[in-house]
C-alpha atoms as a PDB file:
ATOM      1  CA  MET A   1     104.550 -28.003 -92.972  1.00  0.00           C
ATOM      2  CA  LYS A   2     104.474 -24.281 -93.783  1.00  0.00           C
ATOM      3  CA  PHE A   3     106.903 -21.574 -92.427  1.00  0.00           C
ATOM      4  CA  VAL A   4     105.538 -17.853 -92.379  1.00  0.00           C
ATOM      5  CA  ASN A   5     106.812 -14.715 -90.538  1.00  0.00           C
ATOM      6  CA  VAL A   6     104.725 -13.050 -87.700  1.00  0.00           C
ATOM      7  CA  ARG A   7     103.913 -10.118 -90.131  1.00  0.00           C
ATOM      8  CA  GLU A   8     102.626 -12.745 -92.816  1.00  0.00           C
ATOM      9  CA  PHE A   9     100.552 -14.505 -89.934  1.00  0.00           C
ATOM     10  CA  ARG A  10      98.977 -11.314 -88.837  1.00  0.00           C
ATOM     11  CA  LEU A  11      97.752 -10.362 -92.192  1.00  0.00           C
ATOM     12  CA  LYS A  12      96.471 -13.794 -93.170  1.00  0.00           C
ATOM     13  CA  VAL A  13      95.408 -15.220 -89.768  1.00  0.00           C
ATOM     14  CA  SER A  14      92.003 -16.412 -90.748  1.00  0.00           C
ATOM     15  CA  GLU A  15      93.411 -18.229 -93.920  1.00  0.00           C
ATOM     16  CA  PHE A  16      96.097 -20.100 -91.644  1.00  0.00           C
ATOM     17  CA  LEU A  17      93.540 -20.950 -88.799  1.00  0.00           C
ATOM     18  CA  GLY A  18      91.711 -22.812 -91.688  1.00  0.00           C
ATOM     19  CA  SER A  19      94.833 -24.797 -92.899  1.00  0.00           C
ATOM     20  CA  LYS A  20      94.960 -28.402 -92.884  1.00  0.00           C
ATOM     21  CA  GLU A  21      98.788 -28.521 -92.361  1.00  0.00           C
ATOM     22  CA  PRO A  22     100.892 -27.388 -89.499  1.00  0.00           C
ATOM     23  CA  ILE A  23     102.286 -23.890 -89.647  1.00  0.00           C
ATOM     24  CA  ILE A  24     105.485 -22.731 -88.216  1.00  0.00           C
ATOM     25  CA  ILE A  25     105.518 -18.904 -87.285  1.00  0.00           C
ATOM     26  CA  THR A  26     109.068 -17.241 -87.322  1.00  0.00           C
ATOM     27  CA  LYS A  27     110.319 -14.119 -86.101  1.00  0.00           C
ATOM     28  CA  TYR A  28     113.736 -12.816 -87.336  1.00  0.00           C
ATOM     29  CA  GLY A  29     113.888 -16.253 -89.093  1.00  0.00           C
ATOM     30  CA  LYS A  30     113.894 -18.163 -85.899  1.00  0.00           C
ATOM     31  CA  PRO A  31     110.622 -20.458 -85.041  1.00  0.00           C
ATOM     32  CA  ILE A  32     108.792 -18.926 -82.263  1.00  0.00           C
ATOM     33  CA  SER A  33     105.352 -20.989 -82.521  1.00  0.00           C
ATOM     34  CA  ARG A  34     103.701 -23.969 -84.065  1.00  0.00           C
ATOM     35  CA  LEU A  35      99.982 -23.953 -85.161  1.00  0.00           C
ATOM     36  CA  GLU A  36      98.626 -27.265 -85.641  1.00  0.00           C
ATOM     37  CA  PRO A  37      95.026 -28.313 -86.698  1.00  0.00           C
ATOM     38  CA  VAL A  38      93.232 -30.436 -84.109  1.00  0.00           C
ATOM     39  CA  SER A  39      91.165 -33.220 -85.428  1.00  0.00           C
ATOM     40  CA  PRO A  40      87.549 -33.855 -83.898  1.00  0.00           C
ATOM     41  CA  LEU A  41      89.064 -37.186 -82.510  1.00  0.00           C
ATOM     42  CA  GLY A  42      91.691 -35.208 -80.694  1.00  0.00           C
ATOM     43  CA  TYR A  43      88.820 -33.359 -78.745  1.00  0.00           C
ATOM     44  CA  ALA A  44      87.247 -36.763 -77.847  1.00  0.00           C
ATOM     45  CA  ASP A  45      90.347 -38.058 -76.562  1.00  0.00           C
ATOM     46  CA  LEU A  46      90.894 -34.893 -74.511  1.00  0.00           C
ATOM     47  CA  ALA A  47      87.442 -35.234 -72.914  1.00  0.00           C
ATOM     48  CA  GLN A  48      88.021 -39.018 -72.123  1.00  0.00           C
ATOM     49  CA  GLU A  49      91.352 -38.145 -70.546  1.00  0.00           C
ATOM     50  CA  MET A  50      89.773 -35.447 -68.502  1.00  0.00           C
ATOM     51  CA  GLY A  51      87.037 -37.663 -67.416  1.00  0.00           C
ATOM     52  CA  ARG A  52      89.446 -40.208 -66.238  1.00  0.00           C
ATOM     53  CA  ALA A  53      91.541 -37.687 -64.257  1.00  0.00           C
ATOM     54  CA  PHE A  54      88.370 -36.053 -62.529  1.00  0.00           C
ATOM     55  CA  ARG A  55      87.148 -39.622 -61.326  1.00  0.00           C
ATOM     56  CA  GLN A  56      90.728 -40.373 -60.025  1.00  0.00           C
ATOM     57  CA  VAL A  57      90.774 -37.353 -57.750  1.00  0.00           C
ATOM     58  CA  GLY A  58      86.876 -38.007 -56.843  1.00  0.00           C
ATOM     59  CA  ILE A  59      85.258 -35.337 -58.728  1.00  0.00           C
ATOM     60  CA  SER A  60      81.921 -36.004 -60.200  1.00  0.00           C
ATOM     61  CA  GLN A  61      80.728 -34.936 -63.799  1.00  0.00           C
ATOM     62  CA  ASP A  62      78.198 -32.511 -61.862  1.00  0.00           C
ATOM     63  CA  GLU A  63      80.940 -30.999 -60.008  1.00  0.00           C
ATOM     64  CA  ALA A  64      83.263 -30.301 -62.700  1.00  0.00           C
ATOM     65  CA  LEU A  65      80.370 -28.737 -64.798  1.00  0.00           C
ATOM     66  CA  GLU A  66      79.431 -26.597 -61.831  1.00  0.00           C
ATOM     67  CA  ALA A  67      83.213 -25.485 -61.640  1.00  0.00           C
ATOM     68  CA  LEU A  68      83.071 -24.635 -65.188  1.00  0.00           C
ATOM     69  CA  ARG A  69      79.799 -22.622 -64.955  1.00  0.00           C
ATOM     70  CA  GLU A  70      81.370 -20.595 -62.221  1.00  0.00           C
ATOM     71  CA  VAL A  71      84.561 -19.808 -64.178  1.00  0.00           C
ATOM     72  CA  ARG A  72      82.696 -18.613 -67.042  1.00  0.00           C
ATOM     73  CA  SER A  73      80.525 -16.449 -65.138  1.00  0.00           C
ATOM     74  CA  SER A  74      83.347 -14.921 -63.161  1.00  0.00           C
ATOM     75  CA  ARG A  75      84.877 -14.083 -66.538  1.00  0.00           C
ATOM     76  CA  LYS A  76      81.632 -12.428 -67.862  1.00  0.00           C
ATOM     77  CA  ARG A  77      81.481 -10.172 -64.600  1.00  0.00           C
ATOM     78  CA  ARG A  78      85.112  -9.289 -65.169  1.00  0.00           C
ATOM     79  CA  ARG A  79      84.450  -8.297 -68.776  1.00  0.00           C
ATOM     80  CA  THR A  80      81.531  -6.295 -68.028  1.00  0.00           C
ATOM     81  CA  SER A  81      83.064  -4.468 -64.896  1.00  0.00           C
ATOM     82  CA  ARG A  82      85.894  -3.412 -67.247  1.00  0.00           C
ATOM     83  CA  ARG A  83      83.533  -1.222 -69.481  1.00  0.00           C
END
């Protein structure tokens, strides 16, 4: 585990995002955040858990995907309207 202050983190953010070890970000010497790499297995576990949760409340895969598409398109509309 590596400890870095906010300033160093900002300067080397891309380096830290590629790190294989957890990073603790500090401010005035106190921990404020923890950055951990996510394994591909972690994504698979998350997707399975989300699928189980959707099934428990009666949401089909098609309904979940449609809701995701709606959220994405509304975000795109908000970004383009700000310009």
